[in-house]
């Protein structure tokens, strides 16, 4: 019984983590499609999080314009990407440009889409904390139940010997 409960708990944890990852992957896929729809080819999109600093990066090519500065991609990220953004890196025709969220605010104004308030990493951390608390609670419940069973199983104080 102990192993099946652990297995179920791990299954639930895995499902929650996969769901959180799928939401982020869907947002990246949507951004990739919007960049392609804007006329770019060989589009690659990723989201890096390091020390709580979120950086989406878009790499794309544009053959009809050799001097593309990536402004359209910066605007797409700013206006349509629903994840947290601290810095955006755009590589167009192998030319790298980047901008912070504050710089994008100055150029484009406030974001049209507001992030959910938690990045993928934040969601994973919250889920892990909840699972750890759940495990601690379940462990405490099992310990209390076992102690009660032992107390009930032991006979009362031994009776003195009477011949």
N, C-alpha and C. Protein backbone atom coordinates (compact mmCIF):
# COMPACT_ATOMS: atom_id res chain seq x y z
N UNK A 1 0.82 -1.19 0.00
CA UNK A 1 0.00 0.00 0.00
C UNK A 1 0.86 1.25 0.00
N UNK A 2 1.96 1.21 0.74
CA UNK A 2 2.84 2.36 0.84
C UNK A 2 3.40 2.74 -0.52
N UNK A 3 3.78 1.73 -1.31
CA UNK A 3 4.37 2.01 -2.62
C UNK A 3 3.36 2.56 -3.60
N UNK A 4 2.13 2.09 -3.56
CA UNK A 4 1.13 2.60 -4.50
C UNK A 4 0.76 4.04 -4.18
N UNK A 5 0.74 4.42 -2.91
CA UNK A 5 0.45 5.82 -2.54
C UNK A 5 1.57 6.72 -3.05
N UNK A 6 2.79 6.28 -2.90
CA UNK A 6 3.92 7.08 -3.41
C UNK A 6 3.85 7.19 -4.93
N UNK A 7 3.49 6.09 -5.57
CA UNK A 7 3.37 6.09 -7.03
C UNK A 7 2.31 7.06 -7.50
N UNK A 8 1.16 7.07 -6.81
CA UNK A 8 0.10 8.02 -7.17
C UNK A 8 0.55 9.45 -6.96
N UNK A 9 1.25 9.70 -5.85
CA UNK A 9 1.74 11.05 -5.57
C UNK A 9 2.73 11.50 -6.65
N UNK A 10 3.63 10.63 -7.03
CA UNK A 10 4.58 10.98 -8.09
C UNK A 10 3.87 11.20 -9.42
N UNK A 11 2.84 10.42 -9.68
CA UNK A 11 2.05 10.59 -10.90
C UNK A 11 1.38 11.95 -10.94
N UNK A 12 0.79 12.37 -9.81
CA UNK A 12 0.15 13.68 -9.75
C UNK A 12 1.18 14.78 -9.95
N UNK A 13 2.32 14.66 -9.29
CA UNK A 13 3.39 15.65 -9.44
C UNK A 13 3.83 15.74 -10.90
N UNK A 14 4.02 14.62 -11.54
CA UNK A 14 4.43 14.60 -12.93
C UNK A 14 3.40 15.27 -13.82
N UNK A 15 2.13 15.00 -13.59
CA UNK A 15 1.06 15.62 -14.39
C UNK A 15 1.05 17.14 -14.23
N UNK A 16 1.22 17.61 -13.00
CA UNK A 16 1.23 19.06 -12.76
C UNK A 16 2.42 19.71 -13.45
N UNK A 17 3.59 19.10 -13.33
CA UNK A 17 4.78 19.66 -13.97
C UNK A 17 4.65 19.66 -15.49
N UNK A 18 4.09 18.60 -16.05
CA UNK A 18 3.89 18.54 -17.50
C UNK A 18 2.91 19.61 -17.94
N UNK A 19 1.84 19.79 -17.19
CA UNK A 19 0.85 20.82 -17.54
C UNK A 19 1.47 22.21 -17.52
N UNK A 20 2.29 22.50 -16.52
CA UNK A 20 2.96 23.80 -16.45
C UNK A 20 3.91 23.97 -17.63
N UNK A 21 4.63 22.92 -17.97
CA UNK A 21 5.54 22.99 -19.11
C UNK A 21 4.81 23.13 -20.43
N UNK A 22 3.66 22.49 -20.57
CA UNK A 22 2.89 22.57 -21.81
C UNK A 22 2.38 23.98 -22.05
N UNK A 23 1.99 24.66 -20.97
CA UNK A 23 1.51 26.04 -21.12
C UNK A 23 2.62 26.92 -21.66
N UNK A 24 3.83 26.75 -21.13
CA UNK A 24 4.97 27.54 -21.60
C UNK A 24 5.33 27.18 -23.04
N UNK A 25 5.28 25.90 -23.35
CA UNK A 25 5.60 25.48 -24.72
C UNK A 25 4.57 26.02 -25.71
N UNK A 26 3.32 26.06 -25.30
CA UNK A 26 2.27 26.60 -26.17
C UNK A 26 2.52 28.08 -26.44
N UNK A 27 2.92 28.83 -25.42
CA UNK A 27 3.21 30.26 -25.60
C UNK A 27 4.39 30.45 -26.55
N UNK A 28 5.42 29.62 -26.43
CA UNK A 28 6.57 29.71 -27.34
C UNK A 28 6.16 29.36 -28.77
N UNK A 29 5.34 28.33 -28.92
CA UNK A 29 4.88 27.94 -30.25
C UNK A 29 4.03 29.03 -30.90
N UNK A 30 3.17 29.66 -30.10
CA UNK A 30 2.35 30.75 -30.63
C UNK A 30 3.22 31.92 -31.08
N UNK A 31 4.23 32.25 -30.29
CA UNK A 31 5.14 33.34 -30.66
C UNK A 31 5.89 32.99 -31.95
N UNK A 32 6.36 31.77 -32.04
CA UNK A 32 7.06 31.32 -33.26
C UNK A 32 6.17 31.49 -34.49
N UNK A 33 4.91 31.08 -34.37
CA UNK A 33 3.98 31.20 -35.49
C UNK A 33 3.73 32.66 -35.87
N UNK A 34 3.60 33.53 -34.88
CA UNK A 34 3.39 34.96 -35.18
C UNK A 34 4.59 35.57 -35.89
N UNK A 35 5.80 35.17 -35.48
CA UNK A 35 7.01 35.69 -36.14
C UNK A 35 7.06 35.19 -37.59
N UNK A 36 6.73 33.92 -37.81
CA UNK A 36 6.71 33.38 -39.17
C UNK A 36 5.64 34.09 -40.00
N UNK A 37 4.48 34.33 -39.42
CA UNK A 37 3.40 35.02 -40.14
C UNK A 37 3.81 36.44 -40.54
N UNK A 38 4.79 36.99 -39.82
CA UNK A 38 5.26 38.35 -40.12
C UNK A 38 6.32 38.35 -41.24
N UNK A 39 6.61 37.18 -41.81
CA UNK A 39 7.50 37.12 -42.96
C UNK A 39 8.90 36.59 -42.69
N UNK A 40 9.16 36.12 -41.50
CA UNK A 40 10.48 35.58 -41.16
C UNK A 40 10.51 34.08 -41.43
N UNK A 41 11.69 33.56 -41.70
CA UNK A 41 11.87 32.12 -41.93
C UNK A 41 12.88 31.56 -40.94
N UNK A 42 12.95 30.23 -40.88
CA UNK A 42 13.87 29.53 -39.98
C UNK A 42 13.81 30.11 -38.58
N UNK A 43 12.61 30.23 -38.06
CA UNK A 43 12.39 30.87 -36.76
C UNK A 43 12.64 29.87 -35.63
N UNK A 44 13.39 30.31 -34.64
CA UNK A 44 13.65 29.53 -33.44
C UNK A 44 13.33 30.42 -32.24
N UNK A 45 12.57 29.89 -31.29
CA UNK A 45 12.18 30.67 -30.11
C UNK A 45 12.48 29.85 -28.87
N UNK A 46 13.06 30.49 -27.86
CA UNK A 46 13.30 29.82 -26.58
C UNK A 46 13.12 30.83 -25.46
N UNK A 47 12.95 30.31 -24.26
CA UNK A 47 12.79 31.16 -23.08
C UNK A 47 13.76 30.65 -22.02
N UNK A 48 14.70 31.49 -21.63
CA UNK A 48 15.68 31.11 -20.62
C UNK A 48 15.37 31.84 -19.32
N UNK A 49 15.48 31.12 -18.21
CA UNK A 49 15.32 31.73 -16.90
C UNK A 49 16.55 31.39 -16.08
N UNK A 50 17.25 32.42 -15.64
CA UNK A 50 18.43 32.23 -14.80
C UNK A 50 18.34 33.21 -13.64
N UNK A 51 18.40 32.67 -12.43
CA UNK A 51 18.33 33.49 -11.21
C UNK A 51 17.10 34.39 -11.22
N UNK A 52 15.98 33.88 -11.72
CA UNK A 52 14.74 34.63 -11.75
C UNK A 52 14.68 35.70 -12.82
N UNK A 53 15.62 35.71 -13.74
CA UNK A 53 15.69 36.70 -14.81
C UNK A 53 15.25 36.01 -16.10
N UNK A 54 14.10 36.44 -16.66
CA UNK A 54 13.49 35.79 -17.82
C UNK A 54 13.90 36.47 -19.12
N UNK A 55 14.44 35.66 -20.05
CA UNK A 55 14.91 36.18 -21.33
C UNK A 55 14.39 35.32 -22.47
N UNK A 56 13.35 35.77 -23.16
CA UNK A 56 12.98 35.09 -24.40
C UNK A 56 13.98 35.46 -25.50
N UNK A 57 14.32 34.50 -26.34
CA UNK A 57 15.26 34.74 -27.44
C UNK A 57 14.63 34.23 -28.73
N UNK A 58 14.67 35.06 -29.76
CA UNK A 58 14.10 34.71 -31.06
C UNK A 58 15.21 34.83 -32.11
N UNK A 59 15.40 33.77 -32.87
CA UNK A 59 16.35 33.77 -33.98
C UNK A 59 15.54 33.56 -35.26
N UNK A 60 15.78 34.42 -36.25
CA UNK A 60 15.02 34.32 -37.50
C UNK A 60 15.83 34.90 -38.65
N UNK A 61 15.37 34.61 -39.85
CA UNK A 61 16.01 35.13 -41.06
C UNK A 61 14.97 35.83 -41.91
N UNK A 62 15.44 36.83 -42.62
CA UNK A 62 14.58 37.58 -43.52
C UNK A 62 15.38 37.83 -44.78
N UNK A 63 14.99 37.20 -45.88
CA UNK A 63 15.76 37.32 -47.12
C UNK A 63 15.36 38.55 -47.92
N UNK A 64 14.14 39.06 -47.70
CA UNK A 64 13.71 40.22 -48.49
C UNK A 64 14.30 41.53 -47.97
N UNK A 65 14.81 41.55 -46.74
CA UNK A 65 15.45 42.74 -46.17
C UNK A 65 16.71 42.34 -45.46
N UNK A 66 17.83 42.81 -45.90
CA UNK A 66 19.09 42.48 -45.26
C UNK A 66 19.39 43.37 -44.05
N UNK A 67 18.69 44.48 -43.92
CA UNK A 67 18.97 45.41 -42.83
C UNK A 67 17.87 45.41 -41.77
N UNK A 68 17.16 44.32 -41.61
CA UNK A 68 16.09 44.22 -40.61
C UNK A 68 16.69 44.35 -39.21
N UNK A 69 16.18 45.29 -38.42
CA UNK A 69 16.70 45.49 -37.07
C UNK A 69 15.93 44.70 -36.01
N UNK A 70 14.95 43.91 -36.42
CA UNK A 70 14.20 43.07 -35.49
C UNK A 70 13.12 43.81 -34.72
N UNK A 71 12.83 45.04 -35.07
CA UNK A 71 11.84 45.82 -34.34
C UNK A 71 10.47 45.12 -34.31
N UNK A 72 10.09 44.51 -35.44
CA UNK A 72 8.80 43.82 -35.50
C UNK A 72 8.77 42.65 -34.51
N UNK A 73 9.89 41.97 -34.37
CA UNK A 73 9.94 40.84 -33.44
C UNK A 73 9.89 41.34 -32.00
N UNK A 74 10.62 42.41 -31.70
CA UNK A 74 10.56 42.99 -30.36
C UNK A 74 9.11 43.35 -30.02
N UNK A 75 8.41 43.95 -30.97
CA UNK A 75 7.02 44.35 -30.73
C UNK A 75 6.13 43.12 -30.52
N UNK A 76 6.34 42.07 -31.31
CA UNK A 76 5.55 40.85 -31.13
C UNK A 76 5.75 40.24 -29.74
N UNK A 77 6.99 40.19 -29.31
CA UNK A 77 7.27 39.65 -27.98
C UNK A 77 6.61 40.52 -26.93
N UNK A 78 6.76 41.81 -27.07
CA UNK A 78 6.24 42.76 -26.09
C UNK A 78 4.71 42.72 -26.01
N UNK A 79 4.06 42.63 -27.16
CA UNK A 79 2.61 42.76 -27.20
C UNK A 79 1.84 41.44 -27.11
N UNK A 80 2.49 40.31 -27.40
CA UNK A 80 1.72 39.06 -27.48
C UNK A 80 2.25 37.91 -26.63
N UNK A 81 3.47 37.97 -26.15
CA UNK A 81 4.04 36.85 -25.40
C UNK A 81 3.59 36.94 -23.94
N UNK A 82 2.83 35.94 -23.43
CA UNK A 82 2.21 36.06 -22.12
C UNK A 82 3.09 35.71 -20.92
N UNK A 83 4.35 35.42 -21.14
CA UNK A 83 5.23 35.06 -20.02
C UNK A 83 5.99 36.29 -19.53
N UNK A 84 6.64 36.14 -18.37
CA UNK A 84 7.46 37.22 -17.82
C UNK A 84 8.61 37.52 -18.78
N UNK A 85 8.96 38.80 -18.90
CA UNK A 85 10.04 39.22 -19.79
C UNK A 85 10.87 40.29 -19.06
N UNK A 86 12.16 39.99 -18.85
CA UNK A 86 13.07 40.98 -18.28
C UNK A 86 13.99 41.54 -19.35
N UNK A 87 14.33 40.70 -20.31
CA UNK A 87 15.18 41.10 -21.44
C UNK A 87 14.77 40.26 -22.63
N UNK A 88 14.83 40.84 -23.82
CA UNK A 88 14.53 40.10 -25.05
C UNK A 88 15.77 40.12 -25.92
N UNK A 89 16.13 38.97 -26.46
CA UNK A 89 17.24 38.87 -27.40
C UNK A 89 16.66 38.47 -28.75
N UNK A 90 17.00 39.25 -29.78
CA UNK A 90 16.52 39.00 -31.14
C UNK A 90 17.73 38.89 -32.06
N UNK A 91 17.77 37.81 -32.82
CA UNK A 91 18.84 37.59 -33.80
C UNK A 91 18.17 37.50 -35.16
N UNK A 92 18.43 38.50 -36.01
CA UNK A 92 17.88 38.50 -37.37
C UNK A 92 19.05 38.51 -38.34
N UNK A 93 19.07 37.52 -39.23
CA UNK A 93 20.15 37.38 -40.21
C UNK A 93 21.52 37.41 -39.52
N UNK A 94 21.62 36.70 -38.40
CA UNK A 94 22.85 36.55 -37.62
C UNK A 94 23.32 37.84 -36.95
N UNK A 95 22.49 38.84 -36.87
CA UNK A 95 22.82 40.09 -36.19
C UNK A 95 22.06 40.13 -34.87
N UNK A 96 22.80 40.18 -33.75
CA UNK A 96 22.21 40.08 -32.42
C UNK A 96 21.87 41.47 -31.87
N UNK A 97 20.64 41.56 -31.33
CA UNK A 97 20.21 42.77 -30.63
C UNK A 97 19.48 42.33 -29.38
N UNK A 98 19.52 43.17 -28.36
CA UNK A 98 18.77 42.86 -27.15
C UNK A 98 18.23 44.14 -26.54
N UNK A 99 17.20 44.00 -25.73
CA UNK A 99 16.59 45.14 -25.05
C UNK A 99 16.00 44.66 -23.74
N UNK A 100 16.09 45.51 -22.73
CA UNK A 100 15.48 45.20 -21.44
C UNK A 100 13.99 45.55 -21.49
N UNK A 101 13.27 45.09 -20.50
CA UNK A 101 11.84 45.40 -20.42
C UNK A 101 11.63 46.91 -20.32
N UNK A 102 12.48 47.59 -19.56
CA UNK A 102 12.35 49.04 -19.42
C UNK A 102 12.57 49.75 -20.76
N UNK A 103 13.55 49.28 -21.53
CA UNK A 103 13.81 49.88 -22.84
C UNK A 103 12.62 49.65 -23.78
N UNK A 104 12.04 48.47 -23.73
CA UNK A 104 10.87 48.19 -24.56
C UNK A 104 9.67 49.02 -24.13
N UNK A 105 9.54 49.27 -22.83
CA UNK A 105 8.47 50.14 -22.33
C UNK A 105 8.61 51.55 -22.92
N UNK A 106 9.84 52.06 -22.94
CA UNK A 106 10.06 53.41 -23.48
C UNK A 106 9.74 53.48 -24.97
N UNK A 107 10.08 52.44 -25.72
CA UNK A 107 9.88 52.47 -27.17
C UNK A 107 8.43 52.16 -27.55
N UNK A 108 7.85 51.12 -26.93
CA UNK A 108 6.53 50.65 -27.35
C UNK A 108 5.40 50.99 -26.37
N UNK A 109 5.72 51.50 -25.22
CA UNK A 109 4.71 51.74 -24.21
C UNK A 109 4.47 50.48 -23.39
N UNK A 110 3.46 50.49 -22.53
CA UNK A 110 3.21 49.33 -21.68
C UNK A 110 2.79 48.10 -22.50
N UNK A 111 3.02 46.95 -21.92
CA UNK A 111 2.67 45.69 -22.59
C UNK A 111 1.18 45.60 -22.79
N UNK A 112 0.78 45.04 -23.92
CA UNK A 112 -0.64 44.82 -24.20
C UNK A 112 -1.16 43.56 -23.54
N UNK A 113 -0.27 42.62 -23.29
CA UNK A 113 -0.64 41.38 -22.60
C UNK A 113 0.12 41.36 -21.28
N UNK A 114 -0.62 41.10 -20.22
CA UNK A 114 0.00 41.05 -18.91
C UNK A 114 0.37 39.62 -18.56
N UNK A 115 1.60 39.42 -18.10
CA UNK A 115 2.01 38.07 -17.71
C UNK A 115 1.17 37.58 -16.53
N UNK A 116 1.09 36.28 -16.42
CA UNK A 116 0.27 35.67 -15.38
C UNK A 116 0.80 35.94 -13.99
N UNK A 117 1.99 36.47 -13.88
CA UNK A 117 2.56 36.77 -12.57
C UNK A 117 3.53 35.70 -12.10
N UNK A 118 3.55 34.57 -12.76
CA UNK A 118 4.50 33.55 -12.36
C UNK A 118 5.12 32.95 -13.61
N UNK A 119 6.40 32.89 -13.60
CA UNK A 119 7.09 32.28 -14.74
C UNK A 119 6.98 30.77 -14.62
N UNK A 120 7.43 30.06 -15.61
CA UNK A 120 7.44 28.60 -15.56
C UNK A 120 8.22 28.10 -14.37
N UNK A 121 9.33 28.73 -14.09
CA UNK A 121 10.14 28.31 -12.94
C UNK A 121 9.40 28.57 -11.64
N UNK A 122 8.71 29.70 -11.55
CA UNK A 122 7.94 30.01 -10.35
C UNK A 122 6.83 29.00 -10.12
N UNK A 123 6.19 28.58 -11.18
CA UNK A 123 5.13 27.59 -11.08
C UNK A 123 5.69 26.26 -10.59
N UNK A 124 6.82 25.86 -11.13
CA UNK A 124 7.44 24.60 -10.72
C UNK A 124 7.83 24.66 -9.25
N UNK A 125 8.39 25.77 -8.81
CA UNK A 125 8.79 25.91 -7.41
C UNK A 125 7.56 25.83 -6.51
N UNK A 126 6.48 26.51 -6.89
CA UNK A 126 5.26 26.47 -6.09
C UNK A 126 4.71 25.05 -6.00
N UNK A 127 4.72 24.33 -7.10
CA UNK A 127 4.22 22.96 -7.11
C UNK A 127 5.09 22.07 -6.23
N UNK A 128 6.40 22.23 -6.31
CA UNK A 128 7.31 21.42 -5.50
C UNK A 128 7.07 21.69 -4.02
N UNK A 129 6.91 22.96 -3.65
CA UNK A 129 6.64 23.29 -2.25
C UNK A 129 5.34 22.66 -1.78
N UNK A 130 4.30 22.73 -2.62
CA UNK A 130 3.02 22.12 -2.24
C UNK A 130 3.15 20.62 -2.08
N UNK A 131 3.89 19.96 -2.96
CA UNK A 131 4.07 18.51 -2.86
C UNK A 131 4.85 18.15 -1.60
N UNK A 132 5.89 18.91 -1.29
CA UNK A 132 6.67 18.64 -0.07
C UNK A 132 5.79 18.79 1.16
N UNK A 133 4.98 19.85 1.21
CA UNK A 133 4.07 20.02 2.34
C UNK A 133 3.06 18.88 2.42
N UNK A 134 2.58 18.42 1.28
CA UNK A 134 1.65 17.29 1.24
C UNK A 134 2.33 16.04 1.79
N UNK A 135 3.56 15.79 1.39
CA UNK A 135 4.29 14.61 1.85
C UNK A 135 4.51 14.68 3.36
N UNK A 136 4.86 15.85 3.87
CA UNK A 136 5.06 16.02 5.31
C UNK A 136 3.75 15.73 6.05
N UNK A 137 2.65 16.26 5.54
CA UNK A 137 1.35 16.02 6.17
C UNK A 137 0.97 14.55 6.15
N UNK A 138 1.19 13.89 5.04
CA UNK A 138 0.86 12.46 4.94
C UNK A 138 1.74 11.64 5.87
N UNK A 139 3.02 11.99 5.97
CA UNK A 139 3.93 11.27 6.86
C UNK A 139 3.48 11.43 8.31
N UNK A 140 3.11 12.64 8.69
CA UNK A 140 2.63 12.88 10.05
C UNK A 140 1.37 12.07 10.33
N UNK A 141 0.46 12.01 9.37
CA UNK A 141 -0.77 11.24 9.54
C UNK A 141 -0.46 9.76 9.72
N UNK A 142 0.46 9.22 8.95
CA UNK A 142 0.82 7.80 9.05
C UNK A 142 1.45 7.52 10.41
N UNK A 143 2.33 8.41 10.88
CA UNK A 143 2.98 8.20 12.18
C UNK A 143 1.95 8.21 13.30
N UNK A 144 1.02 9.15 13.27
CA UNK A 144 -0.03 9.22 14.31
C UNK A 144 -0.88 7.96 14.28
N UNK A 145 -1.26 7.51 13.09
CA UNK A 145 -2.10 6.30 12.96
C UNK A 145 -1.37 5.07 13.52
N UNK A 146 -0.09 4.94 13.21
CA UNK A 146 0.67 3.77 13.70
C UNK A 146 0.77 3.80 15.23
N UNK A 147 1.02 4.97 15.78
CA UNK A 147 1.12 5.07 17.25
C UNK A 147 -0.19 4.70 17.91
N UNK A 148 -1.30 5.13 17.33
CA UNK A 148 -2.61 4.77 17.90
C UNK A 148 -2.85 3.27 17.83
N UNK A 149 -2.48 2.67 16.70
CA UNK A 149 -2.66 1.20 16.57
C UNK A 149 -1.83 0.45 17.59
N UNK A 150 -0.58 0.88 17.79
CA UNK A 150 0.29 0.22 18.76
C UNK A 150 -0.29 0.36 20.17
N UNK A 151 -0.80 1.54 20.48
CA UNK A 151 -1.35 1.76 21.82
C UNK A 151 -2.58 0.87 22.04
N UNK A 152 -3.39 0.68 21.01
CA UNK A 152 -4.58 -0.16 21.13
C UNK A 152 -4.22 -1.64 21.18
N UNK A 153 -3.16 -2.03 20.51
CA UNK A 153 -2.78 -3.44 20.43
C UNK A 153 -2.12 -3.92 21.71
N UNK A 154 -1.50 -3.05 22.48
CA UNK A 154 -0.83 -3.47 23.70
C UNK A 154 -1.87 -3.68 24.80
N UNK A 155 -1.73 -4.79 25.52
CA UNK A 155 -2.68 -5.01 26.62
C UNK A 155 -2.46 -3.97 27.71
N UNK A 156 -3.46 -3.76 28.50
CA UNK A 156 -3.24 -2.82 29.60
C UNK A 156 -2.14 -3.33 30.51
N UNK A 157 -1.81 -2.54 31.47
CA UNK A 157 -0.70 -2.91 32.35
C UNK A 157 -0.85 -4.37 32.81
N UNK A 158 0.26 -5.09 32.88
CA UNK A 158 0.17 -6.52 33.25
C UNK A 158 -0.46 -6.70 34.64
N UNK A 159 -1.29 -7.72 34.72
CA UNK A 159 -1.96 -8.03 35.99
C UNK A 159 -0.99 -8.81 36.88
N UNK A 160 -1.07 -8.55 38.16
CA UNK A 160 -0.20 -9.31 39.05
C UNK A 160 -0.59 -10.80 39.07
N UNK A 161 0.38 -11.62 39.34
CA UNK A 161 0.15 -13.07 39.32
C UNK A 161 -0.69 -13.45 40.53
N UNK A 162 -1.75 -14.23 40.26
CA UNK A 162 -2.61 -14.69 41.36
C UNK A 162 -2.73 -16.22 41.27
N UNK A 163 -2.22 -16.93 42.26
CA UNK A 163 -2.32 -18.41 42.20
C UNK A 163 -3.66 -18.96 42.53
